[in-house]
Amino acid sequence: MDDCRVLLAKNMKKFRKILSLSQMALAEKVGCSTTLIGNIEINRRFPSAENINRIANALEVKISDLFAEPGSAALSELSDRQDLKMRLERNIVAAINETFKKED
């Protein structure tokens, strides 16, 4: 069983990558510095309770998901949601493009 700091670091990075967010983009969403995000991900710093809440919101996960053991459902659930979101976006763009082609 990993230490909660190690789990946070690993999961934060995994969730960030699933969402295709850079450390800078995540920092902007959280309202903190890129340095803090990087330091959390390399287990050099541990965020405040307020920042943990902001990080979870920015990554679209529950706080408990940030501390989940490897192999938990949280990672696959987020990946599934992102896949669905991308498919919906493609379908919307295709429908818009089709609509404009018909008007021409």
PDB file of N, CA and C in Angstrom:
ATOM      1  N   MET A   1       0.850  -1.189   0.000  1.00  0.00           N
ATOM      2  CA  MET A   1       0.000   0.000   0.000  1.00  0.00           C
ATOM      3  C   MET A   1       0.890   1.245   0.000  1.00  0.00           C
ATOM      4  N   ASP A   2       0.647   2.125  -0.955  1.00  0.00           N
ATOM      5  CA  ASP A   2       1.439   3.344  -1.074  1.00  0.00           C
ATOM      6  C   ASP A   2       1.002   4.394  -0.066  1.00  0.00           C
ATOM      7  N   ASP A   3       1.929   5.233   0.301  1.00  0.00           N
ATOM      8  CA  ASP A   3       1.677   6.402   1.138  1.00  0.00           C
ATOM      9  C   ASP A   3       0.721   7.345   0.398  1.00  0.00           C
ATOM     10  N   CYS A   4      -0.113   8.069   1.122  1.00  0.00           N
ATOM     11  CA  CYS A   4      -1.096   8.950   0.474  1.00  0.00           C
ATOM     12  C   CYS A   4      -0.432  10.023  -0.382  1.00  0.00           C
ATOM     13  N   ARG A   5       0.755  10.461  -0.008  1.00  0.00           N
ATOM     14  CA  ARG A   5       1.469  11.464  -0.808  1.00  0.00           C
ATOM     15  C   ARG A   5       1.893  10.879  -2.157  1.00  0.00           C
ATOM     16  N   VAL A   6       2.346   9.641  -2.119  1.00  0.00           N
ATOM     17  CA  VAL A   6       2.767   8.967  -3.355  1.00  0.00           C
ATOM     18  C   VAL A   6       1.551   8.721  -4.245  1.00  0.00           C
ATOM     19  N   LEU A   7       0.454   8.283  -3.642  1.00  0.00           N
ATOM     20  CA  LEU A   7      -0.769   8.053  -4.421  1.00  0.00           C
ATOM     21  C   LEU A   7      -1.246   9.346  -5.070  1.00  0.00           C
ATOM     22  N   LEU A   8      -1.243  10.439  -4.311  1.00  0.00           N
ATOM     23  CA  LEU A   8      -1.662  11.727  -4.875  1.00  0.00           C
ATOM     24  C   LEU A   8      -0.786  12.096  -6.059  1.00  0.00           C
ATOM     25  N   ALA A   9       0.517  11.983  -5.893  1.00  0.00           N
ATOM     26  CA  ALA A   9       1.442  12.348  -6.970  1.00  0.00           C
ATOM     27  C   ALA A   9       1.189  11.513  -8.227  1.00  0.00           C
ATOM     28  N   LYS A  10       1.081  10.206  -8.051  1.00  0.00           N
ATOM     29  CA  LYS A  10       0.877   9.311  -9.198  1.00  0.00           C
ATOM     30  C   LYS A  10      -0.479   9.557  -9.866  1.00  0.00           C
ATOM     31  N   ASN A  11      -1.528   9.631  -9.058  1.00  0.00           N
ATOM     32  CA  ASN A  11      -2.867   9.782  -9.619  1.00  0.00           C
ATOM     33  C   ASN A  11      -3.073  11.136 -10.266  1.00  0.00           C
ATOM     34  N   MET A  12      -2.539  12.166  -9.649  1.00  0.00           N
ATOM     35  CA  MET A  12      -2.671  13.498 -10.222  1.00  0.00           C
ATOM     36  C   MET A  12      -2.064  13.528 -11.632  1.00  0.00           C
ATOM     37  N   LYS A  13      -0.885  12.964 -11.746  1.00  0.00           N
ATOM     38  CA  LYS A  13      -0.209  12.938 -13.043  1.00  0.00           C
ATOM     39  C   LYS A  13      -0.997  12.092 -14.050  1.00  0.00           C
ATOM     40  N   LYS A  14      -1.508  10.930 -13.615  1.00  0.00           N
ATOM     41  CA  LYS A  14      -2.277  10.070 -14.518  1.00  0.00           C
ATOM     42  C   LYS A  14      -3.543  10.773 -14.999  1.00  0.00           C
ATOM     43  N   PHE A  15      -4.291  11.365 -14.059  1.00  0.00           N
ATOM     44  CA  PHE A  15      -5.521  12.058 -14.432  1.00  0.00           C
ATOM     45  C   PHE A  15      -5.217  13.234 -15.361  1.00  0.00           C
ATOM     46  N   ARG A  16      -4.142  13.958 -15.058  1.00  0.00           N
ATOM     47  CA  ARG A  16      -3.766  15.107 -15.895  1.00  0.00           C
ATOM     48  C   ARG A  16      -3.460  14.645 -17.310  1.00  0.00           C
ATOM     49  N   LYS A  17      -2.746  13.543 -17.442  1.00  0.00           N
ATOM     50  CA  LYS A  17      -2.401  13.028 -18.766  1.00  0.00           C
ATOM     51  C   LYS A  17      -3.642  12.525 -19.508  1.00  0.00           C
ATOM     52  N   ILE A  18      -4.561  11.861 -18.805  1.00  0.00           N
ATOM     53  CA  ILE A  18      -5.799  11.394 -19.437  1.00  0.00           C
ATOM     54  C   ILE A  18      -6.564  12.573 -20.021  1.00  0.00           C
ATOM     55  N   LEU A  19      -6.548  13.703 -19.312  1.00  0.00           N
ATOM     56  CA  LEU A  19      -7.248  14.906 -19.771  1.00  0.00           C
ATOM     57  C   LEU A  19      -6.419  15.731 -20.752  1.00  0.00           C
ATOM     58  N   SER A  20      -5.220  15.258 -21.060  1.00  0.00           N
ATOM     59  CA  SER A  20      -4.307  15.970 -21.972  1.00  0.00           C
ATOM     60  C   SER A  20      -4.027  17.388 -21.486  1.00  0.00           C
ATOM     61  N   LEU A  21      -3.800  17.505 -20.193  1.00  0.00           N
ATOM     62  CA  LEU A  21      -3.484  18.809 -19.613  1.00  0.00           C
ATOM     63  C   LEU A  21      -1.995  18.882 -19.294  1.00  0.00           C
ATOM     64  N   SER A  22      -1.384  19.983 -19.636  1.00  0.00           N
ATOM     65  CA  SER A  22      -0.013  20.214 -19.209  1.00  0.00           C
ATOM     66  C   SER A  22      -0.037  20.640 -17.745  1.00  0.00           C
ATOM     67  N   GLN A  23       1.119  20.641 -17.113  1.00  0.00           N
ATOM     68  CA  GLN A  23       1.185  21.135 -15.735  1.00  0.00           C
ATOM     69  C   GLN A  23       0.743  22.597 -15.690  1.00  0.00           C
ATOM     70  N   MET A  24       1.112  23.359 -16.704  1.00  0.00           N
ATOM     71  CA  MET A  24       0.737  24.763 -16.752  1.00  0.00           C
ATOM     72  C   MET A  24      -0.777  24.936 -16.860  1.00  0.00           C
ATOM     73  N   ALA A  25      -1.400  24.137 -17.721  1.00  0.00           N
ATOM     74  CA  ALA A  25      -2.856  24.224 -17.889  1.00  0.00           C
ATOM     75  C   ALA A  25      -3.573  23.826 -16.600  1.00  0.00           C
ATOM     76  N   LEU A  26      -3.084  22.781 -15.937  1.00  0.00           N
ATOM     77  CA  LEU A  26      -3.695  22.374 -14.669  1.00  0.00           C
ATOM     78  C   LEU A  26      -3.511  23.467 -13.627  1.00  0.00           C
ATOM     79  N   ALA A  27      -2.335  24.044 -13.564  1.00  0.00           N
ATOM     80  CA  ALA A  27      -2.074  25.119 -12.601  1.00  0.00           C
ATOM     81  C   ALA A  27      -3.029  26.293 -12.815  1.00  0.00           C
ATOM     82  N   GLU A  28      -3.293  26.627 -14.071  1.00  0.00           N
ATOM     83  CA  GLU A  28      -4.231  27.716 -14.369  1.00  0.00           C
ATOM     84  C   GLU A  28      -5.632  27.369 -13.878  1.00  0.00           C
ATOM     85  N   LYS A  29      -6.059  26.117 -14.109  1.00  0.00           N
ATOM     86  CA  LYS A  29      -7.392  25.699 -13.668  1.00  0.00           C
ATOM     87  C   LYS A  29      -7.496  25.670 -12.138  1.00  0.00           C
ATOM     88  N   VAL A  30      -6.405  25.310 -11.485  1.00  0.00           N
ATOM     89  CA  VAL A  30      -6.386  25.212 -10.028  1.00  0.00           C
ATOM     90  C   VAL A  30      -6.234  26.589  -9.389  1.00  0.00           C
ATOM     91  N   GLY A  31      -5.526  27.486 -10.099  1.00  0.00           N
ATOM     92  CA  GLY A  31      -5.250  28.806  -9.536  1.00  0.00           C
ATOM     93  C   GLY A  31      -3.996  28.807  -8.683  1.00  0.00           C
ATOM     94  N   CYS A  32      -3.006  28.030  -9.119  1.00  0.00           N
ATOM     95  CA  CYS A  32      -1.742  27.967  -8.389  1.00  0.00           C
ATOM     96  C   CYS A  32      -0.604  28.025  -9.402  1.00  0.00           C
ATOM     97  N   SER A  33       0.610  27.893  -8.914  1.00  0.00           N
ATOM     98  CA  SER A  33       1.765  27.957  -9.811  1.00  0.00           C
ATOM     99  C   SER A  33       2.049  26.604 -10.456  1.00  0.00           C
ATOM    100  N   THR A  34       2.676  26.669 -11.612  1.00  0.00           N
ATOM    101  CA  THR A  34       3.118  25.456 -12.293  1.00  0.00           C
ATOM    102  C   THR A  34       4.135  24.727 -11.425  1.00  0.00           C
ATOM    103  N   THR A  35       4.943  25.484 -10.712  1.00  0.00           N
ATOM    104  CA  THR A  35       5.944  24.897  -9.825  1.00  0.00           C
ATOM    105  C   THR A  35       5.296  24.037  -8.755  1.00  0.00           C
ATOM    106  N   LEU A  36       4.186  24.515  -8.182  1.00  0.00           N
ATOM    107  CA  LEU A  36       3.498  23.719  -7.164  1.00  0.00           C
ATOM    108  C   LEU A  36       2.998  22.406  -7.755  1.00  0.00           C
ATOM    109  N   ILE A  37       2.379  22.468  -8.927  1.00  0.00           N
ATOM    110  CA  ILE A  37       1.879  21.240  -9.568  1.00  0.00           C
ATOM    111  C   ILE A  37       3.040  20.271  -9.798  1.00  0.00           C
ATOM    112  N   GLY A  38       4.124  20.765 -10.338  1.00  0.00           N
ATOM    113  CA  GLY A  38       5.294  19.922 -10.580  1.00  0.00           C
ATOM    114  C   GLY A  38       5.850  19.317  -9.303  1.00  0.00           C
ATOM    115  N   ASN A  39       5.932  20.129  -8.250  1.00  0.00           N
ATOM    116  CA  ASN A  39       6.459  19.647  -6.975  1.00  0.00           C
ATOM    117  C   ASN A  39       5.546  18.606  -6.329  1.00  0.00           C
ATOM    118  N   ILE A  40       4.247  18.748  -6.507  1.00  0.00           N
ATOM    119  CA  ILE A  40       3.322  17.738  -5.987  1.00  0.00           C
ATOM    120  C   ILE A  40       3.522  16.430  -6.747  1.00  0.00           C
ATOM    121  N   GLU A  41       3.650  16.535  -8.075  1.00  0.00           N
ATOM    122  CA  GLU A  41       3.788  15.338  -8.898  1.00  0.00           C
ATOM    123  C   GLU A  41       5.103  14.596  -8.683  1.00  0.00           C
ATOM    124  N   ILE A  42       6.129  15.282  -8.200  1.00  0.00           N
ATOM    125  CA  ILE A  42       7.384  14.582  -7.889  1.00  0.00           C
ATOM    126  C   ILE A  42       7.519  14.345  -6.393  1.00  0.00           C
ATOM    127  N   ASN A  43       6.408  14.541  -5.675  1.00  0.00           N
ATOM    128  CA  ASN A  43       6.327  14.246  -4.251  1.00  0.00           C
ATOM    129  C   ASN A  43       7.269  15.113  -3.410  1.00  0.00           C
ATOM    130  N   ARG A  44       7.497  16.320  -3.866  1.00  0.00           N
ATOM    131  CA  ARG A  44       8.343  17.253  -3.121  1.00  0.00           C
ATOM    132  C   ARG A  44       7.508  18.146  -2.205  1.00  0.00           C
ATOM    133  N   ARG A  45       6.247  18.359  -2.575  1.00  0.00           N
ATOM    134  CA  ARG A  45       5.333  19.178  -1.767  1.00  0.00           C
ATOM    135  C   ARG A  45       4.001  18.458  -1.654  1.00  0.00           C
ATOM    136  N   PHE A  46       3.255  18.813  -0.607  1.00  0.00           N
ATOM    137  CA  PHE A  46       1.912  18.282  -0.421  1.00  0.00           C
ATOM    138  C   PHE A  46       0.968  19.473  -0.346  1.00  0.00           C
ATOM    139  N   PRO A  47      -0.109  19.461  -1.145  1.00  0.00           N
ATOM    140  CA  PRO A  47      -0.984  20.636  -1.212  1.00  0.00           C
ATOM    141  C   PRO A  47      -1.855  20.797   0.036  1.00  0.00           C
ATOM    142  N   SER A  48      -2.327  22.003   0.219  1.00  0.00           N
ATOM    143  CA  SER A  48      -3.286  22.284   1.289  1.00  0.00           C
ATOM    144  C   SER A  48      -4.606  21.597   0.967  1.00  0.00           C
ATOM    145  N   ALA A  49      -5.455  21.495   1.973  1.00  0.00           N
ATOM    146  CA  ALA A  49      -6.779  20.898   1.753  1.00  0.00           C
ATOM    147  C   ALA A  49      -7.543  21.674   0.683  1.00  0.00           C
ATOM    148  N   GLU A  50      -7.420  22.993   0.698  1.00  0.00           N
ATOM    149  CA  GLU A  50      -8.096  23.824  -0.304  1.00  0.00           C
ATOM    150  C   GLU A  50      -7.590  23.507  -1.704  1.00  0.00           C
ATOM    151  N   ASN A  51      -6.273  23.356  -1.850  1.00  0.00           N
ATOM    152  CA  ASN A  51      -5.722  23.039  -3.174  1.00  0.00           C
ATOM    153  C   ASN A  51      -6.056  21.616  -3.608  1.00  0.00           C
ATOM    154  N   ILE A  52      -6.162  20.694  -2.666  1.00  0.00           N
ATOM    155  CA  ILE A  52      -6.577  19.332  -3.027  1.00  0.00           C
ATOM    156  C   ILE A  52      -7.980  19.384  -3.631  1.00  0.00           C
ATOM    157  N   ASN A  53      -8.854  20.155  -3.013  1.00  0.00           N
ATOM    158  CA  ASN A  53     -10.212  20.311  -3.534  1.00  0.00           C
ATOM    159  C   ASN A  53     -10.196  20.940  -4.921  1.00  0.00           C
ATOM    160  N   ARG A  54      -9.389  21.968  -5.105  1.00  0.00           N
ATOM    161  CA  ARG A  54      -9.293  22.632  -6.410  1.00  0.00           C
ATOM    162  C   ARG A  54      -8.719  21.695  -7.476  1.00  0.00           C
ATOM    163  N   ILE A  55      -7.731  20.898  -7.086  1.00  0.00           N
ATOM    164  CA  ILE A  55      -7.112  19.953  -8.024  1.00  0.00           C
ATOM    165  C   ILE A  55      -8.143  18.917  -8.466  1.00  0.00           C
ATOM    166  N   ALA A  56      -8.888  18.380  -7.508  1.00  0.00           N
ATOM    167  CA  ALA A  56      -9.924  17.392  -7.847  1.00  0.00           C
ATOM    168  C   ALA A  56     -10.949  17.997  -8.800  1.00  0.00           C
ATOM    169  N   ASN A  57     -11.387  19.214  -8.515  1.00  0.00           N
ATOM    170  CA  ASN A  57     -12.352  19.875  -9.403  1.00  0.00           C
ATOM    171  C   ASN A  57     -11.764  20.094 -10.791  1.00  0.00           C
ATOM    172  N   ALA A  58     -10.526  20.540 -10.864  1.00  0.00           N
ATOM    173  CA  ALA A  58      -9.885  20.803 -12.153  1.00  0.00           C
ATOM    174  C   ALA A  58      -9.714  19.514 -12.963  1.00  0.00           C
ATOM    175  N   LEU A  59      -9.472  18.408 -12.263  1.00  0.00           N
ATOM    176  CA  LEU A  59      -9.288  17.120 -12.935  1.00  0.00           C
ATOM    177  C   LEU A  59     -10.594  16.354 -13.118  1.00  0.00           C
ATOM    178  N   GLU A  60     -11.701  16.947 -12.655  1.00  0.00           N
ATOM    179  CA  GLU A  60     -13.029  16.361 -12.820  1.00  0.00           C
ATOM    180  C   GLU A  60     -13.159  15.001 -12.135  1.00  0.00           C
ATOM    181  N   VAL A  61     -12.564  14.898 -10.933  1.00  0.00           N
ATOM    182  CA  VAL A  61     -12.635  13.664 -10.153  1.00  0.00           C
ATOM    183  C   VAL A  61     -13.030  13.996  -8.718  1.00  0.00           C
ATOM    184  N   LYS A  62     -13.399  12.960  -7.975  1.00  0.00           N
ATOM    185  CA  LYS A  62     -13.654  13.127  -6.548  1.00  0.00           C
ATOM    186  C   LYS A  62     -12.309  13.182  -5.818  1.00  0.00           C
ATOM    187  N   ILE A  63     -12.299  13.835  -4.677  1.00  0.00           N
ATOM    188  CA  ILE A  63     -11.071  13.907  -3.885  1.00  0.00           C
ATOM    189  C   ILE A  63     -10.556  12.504  -3.581  1.00  0.00           C
ATOM    190  N   SER A  64     -11.456  11.600  -3.250  1.00  0.00           N
ATOM    191  CA  SER A  64     -11.033  10.232  -2.924  1.00  0.00           C
ATOM    192  C   SER A  64     -10.321   9.559  -4.095  1.00  0.00           C
ATOM    193  N   ASP A  65     -10.673   9.936  -5.325  1.00  0.00           N
ATOM    194  CA  ASP A  65     -10.014   9.361  -6.504  1.00  0.00           C
ATOM    195  C   ASP A  65      -8.540   9.750  -6.569  1.00  0.00           C
ATOM    196  N   LEU A  66      -8.204  10.911  -6.024  1.00  0.00           N
ATOM    197  CA  LEU A  66      -6.809  11.343  -6.030  1.00  0.00           C
ATOM    198  C   LEU A  66      -5.930  10.449  -5.152  1.00  0.00           C
ATOM    199  N   PHE A  67      -6.570   9.749  -4.205  1.00  0.00           N
ATOM    200  CA  PHE A  67      -5.829   8.908  -3.271  1.00  0.00           C
ATOM    201  C   PHE A  67      -6.136   7.420  -3.466  1.00  0.00           C
ATOM    202  N   ALA A  68      -6.734   7.071  -4.595  1.00  0.00           N
ATOM    203  CA  ALA A  68      -7.113   5.687  -4.870  1.00  0.00           C
ATOM    204  C   ALA A  68      -5.881   4.837  -5.188  1.00  0.00           C
ATOM    205  N   GLU A  69      -5.952   3.592  -4.768  1.00  0.00           N
ATOM    206  CA  GLU A  69      -4.883   2.640  -5.066  1.00  0.00           C
ATOM    207  C   GLU A  69      -4.865   2.327  -6.559  1.00  0.00           C
ATOM    208  N   PRO A  70      -3.708   1.934  -7.107  1.00  0.00           N
ATOM    209  CA  PRO A  70      -3.640   1.559  -8.530  1.00  0.00           C
ATOM    210  C   PRO A  70      -4.651   0.471  -8.864  1.00  0.00           C
ATOM    211  N   GLY A  71      -5.207   0.545 -10.058  1.00  0.00           N
ATOM    212  CA  GLY A  71      -6.182  -0.441 -10.504  1.00  0.00           C
ATOM    213  C   GLY A  71      -7.609  -0.114 -10.114  1.00  0.00           C
ATOM    214  N   SER A  72      -7.795   1.042  -9.486  1.00  0.00           N
ATOM    215  CA  SER A  72      -9.151   1.412  -9.087  1.00  0.00           C
ATOM    216  C   SER A  72      -9.969   1.811 -10.312  1.00  0.00           C
ATOM    217  N   ALA A  73     -11.258   1.860 -10.134  1.00  0.00           N
ATOM    218  CA  ALA A  73     -12.167   2.193 -11.233  1.00  0.00           C
ATOM    219  C   ALA A  73     -12.062   3.653 -11.659  1.00  0.00           C
ATOM    220  N   ALA A  74     -11.532   4.513 -10.809  1.00  0.00           N
ATOM    221  CA  ALA A  74     -11.499   5.951 -11.095  1.00  0.00           C
ATOM    222  C   ALA A  74     -10.757   6.267 -12.392  1.00  0.00           C
ATOM    223  N   LEU A  75      -9.613   5.625 -12.595  1.00  0.00           N
ATOM    224  CA  LEU A  75      -8.835   5.907 -13.802  1.00  0.00           C
ATOM    225  C   LEU A  75      -9.574   5.490 -15.066  1.00  0.00           C
ATOM    226  N   SER A  76     -10.149   4.309 -15.064  1.00  0.00           N
ATOM    227  CA  SER A  76     -10.849   3.866 -16.274  1.00  0.00           C
ATOM    228  C   SER A  76     -12.117   4.669 -16.488  1.00  0.00           C
ATOM    229  N   GLU A  77     -12.768   5.079 -15.397  1.00  0.00           N
ATOM    230  CA  GLU A  77     -13.984   5.888 -15.524  1.00  0.00           C
ATOM    231  C   GLU A  77     -13.670   7.239 -16.164  1.00  0.00           C
ATOM    232  N   LEU A  78     -12.591   7.877 -15.717  1.00  0.00           N
ATOM    233  CA  LEU A  78     -12.222   9.161 -16.289  1.00  0.00           C
ATOM    234  C   LEU A  78     -11.820   9.004 -17.747  1.00  0.00           C
ATOM    235  N   SER A  79     -11.086   7.958 -18.038  1.00  0.00           N
ATOM    236  CA  SER A  79     -10.687   7.701 -19.418  1.00  0.00           C
ATOM    237  C   SER A  79     -11.915   7.482 -20.296  1.00  0.00           C
ATOM    238  N   ASP A  80     -12.894   6.729 -19.793  1.00  0.00           N
ATOM    239  CA  ASP A  80     -14.130   6.496 -20.540  1.00  0.00           C
ATOM    240  C   ASP A  80     -14.883   7.801 -20.777  1.00  0.00           C
ATOM    241  N   ARG A  81     -14.937   8.655 -19.742  1.00  0.00           N
ATOM    242  CA  ARG A  81     -15.634   9.943 -19.881  1.00  0.00           C
ATOM    243  C   ARG A  81     -14.945  10.817 -20.926  1.00  0.00           C
ATOM    244  N   GLN A  82     -13.612  10.820 -20.913  1.00  0.00           N
ATOM    245  CA  GLN A  82     -12.877  11.628 -21.889  1.00  0.00           C
ATOM    246  C   GLN A  82     -13.093  11.106 -23.294  1.00  0.00           C
ATOM    247  N   ASP A  83     -13.118   9.787 -23.449  1.00  0.00           N
ATOM    248  CA  ASP A  83     -13.359   9.186 -24.756  1.00  0.00           C
ATOM    249  C   ASP A  83     -14.748   9.571 -25.261  1.00  0.00           C
ATOM    250  N   LEU A  84     -15.742   9.484 -24.394  1.00  0.00           N
ATOM    251  CA  LEU A  84     -17.104   9.863 -24.760  1.00  0.00           C
ATOM    252  C   LEU A  84     -17.171  11.348 -25.129  1.00  0.00           C
ATOM    253  N   LYS A  85     -16.517  12.178 -24.354  1.00  0.00           N
ATOM    254  CA  LYS A  85     -16.501  13.617 -24.623  1.00  0.00           C
ATOM    255  C   LYS A  85     -15.891  13.900 -26.002  1.00  0.00           C
ATOM    256  N   MET A  86     -14.795  13.237 -26.309  1.00  0.00           N
ATOM    257  CA  MET A  86     -14.143  13.448 -27.604  1.00  0.00           C
ATOM    258  C   MET A  86     -15.035  12.985 -28.750  1.00  0.00           C
ATOM    259  N   ARG A  87     -15.708  11.839 -28.575  1.00  0.00           N
ATOM    260  CA  ARG A  87     -16.611  11.354 -29.632  1.00  0.00           C
ATOM    261  C   ARG A  87     -17.780  12.311 -29.830  1.00  0.00           C
ATOM    262  N   LEU A  88     -18.331  12.818 -28.737  1.00  0.00           N
ATOM    263  CA  LEU A  88     -19.434  13.776 -28.844  1.00  0.00           C
ATOM    264  C   LEU A  88     -18.992  15.050 -29.553  1.00  0.00           C
ATOM    265  N   GLU A  89     -17.811  15.532 -29.201  1.00  0.00           N
ATOM    266  CA  GLU A  89     -17.293  16.738 -29.857  1.00  0.00           C
ATOM    267  C   GLU A  89     -17.123  16.520 -31.349  1.00  0.00           C
ATOM    268  N   ARG A  90     -16.593  15.362 -31.734  1.00  0.00           N
ATOM    269  CA  ARG A  90     -16.421  15.062 -33.169  1.00  0.00           C
ATOM    270  C   ARG A  90     -17.769  15.002 -33.872  1.00  0.00           C
ATOM    271  N   ASN A  91     -18.750  14.370 -33.228  1.00  0.00           N
ATOM    272  CA  ASN A  91     -20.085  14.279 -33.827  1.00  0.00           C
ATOM    273  C   ASN A  91     -20.736  15.643 -33.972  1.00  0.00           C
ATOM    274  N   ILE A  92     -20.553  16.503 -32.990  1.00  0.00           N
ATOM    275  CA  ILE A  92     -21.121  17.856 -33.055  1.00  0.00           C
ATOM    276  C   ILE A  92     -20.474  18.644 -34.186  1.00  0.00           C
ATOM    277  N   VAL A  93     -19.160  18.568 -34.285  1.00  0.00           N
ATOM    278  CA  VAL A  93     -18.455  19.272 -35.363  1.00  0.00           C
ATOM    279  C   VAL A  93     -18.903  18.739 -36.719  1.00  0.00           C
ATOM    280  N   ALA A  94     -19.035  17.426 -36.844  1.00  0.00           N
ATOM    281  CA  ALA A  94     -19.480  16.836 -38.110  1.00  0.00           C
ATOM    282  C   ALA A  94     -20.892  17.302 -38.456  1.00  0.00           C
ATOM    283  N   ALA A  95     -21.771  17.353 -37.457  1.00  0.00           N
ATOM    284  CA  ALA A  95     -23.152  17.803 -37.696  1.00  0.00           C
ATOM    285  C   ALA A  95     -23.181  19.269 -38.115  1.00  0.00           C
ATOM    286  N   ILE A  96     -22.372  20.089 -37.501  1.00  0.00           N
ATOM    287  CA  ILE A  96     -22.305  21.509 -37.860  1.00  0.00           C
ATOM    288  C   ILE A  96     -21.780  21.663 -39.279  1.00  0.00           C
ATOM    289  N   ASN A  97     -20.714  20.942 -39.591  1.00  0.00           N
ATOM    290  CA  ASN A  97     -20.158  21.004 -40.944  1.00  0.00           C
ATOM    291  C   ASN A  97     -21.169  20.539 -41.984  1.00  0.00           C
ATOM    292  N   GLU A  98     -21.885  19.495 -41.689  1.00  0.00           N
ATOM    293  CA  GLU A  98     -22.917  18.975 -42.607  1.00  0.00           C
ATOM    294  C   GLU A  98     -24.020  19.989 -42.816  1.00  0.00           C
ATOM    295  N   THR A  99     -24.405  20.662 -41.736  1.00  0.00           N
ATOM    296  CA  THR A  99     -25.449  21.677 -41.815  1.00  0.00           C
ATOM    297  C   THR A  99     -25.027  22.825 -42.734  1.00  0.00           C
ATOM    298  N   PHE A 100     -23.770  23.261 -42.578  1.00  0.00           N
ATOM    299  CA  PHE A 100     -23.293  24.354 -43.418  1.00  0.00           C
ATOM    300  C   PHE A 100     -23.131  23.938 -44.879  1.00  0.00           C
ATOM    301  N   LYS A 101     -22.791  22.692 -45.128  1.00  0.00           N
ATOM    302  CA  LYS A 101     -22.673  22.198 -46.507  1.00  0.00           C
ATOM    303  C   LYS A 101     -24.044  22.212 -47.183  1.00  0.00           C
ATOM    304  N   LYS A 102     -25.086  21.857 -46.425  1.00  0.00           N
ATOM    305  CA  LYS A 102     -26.434  21.832 -46.992  1.00  0.00           C
ATOM    306  C   LYS A 102     -26.907  23.228 -47.339  1.00  0.00           C
ATOM    307  N   GLU A 103     -26.461  24.238 -46.587  1.00  0.00           N
ATOM    308  CA  GLU A 103     -26.890  25.610 -46.830  1.00  0.00           C
ATOM    309  C   GLU A 103     -26.203  26.234 -48.032  1.00  0.00           C
ATOM    310  N   ASP A 104     -25.077  25.680 -48.446  1.00  0.00           N
ATOM    311  CA  ASP A 104     -24.328  26.239 -49.579  1.00  0.00           C
ATOM    312  C   ASP A 104     -24.950  25.941 -50.880  1.00  0.00           C
TER     313      ASP A 104
END
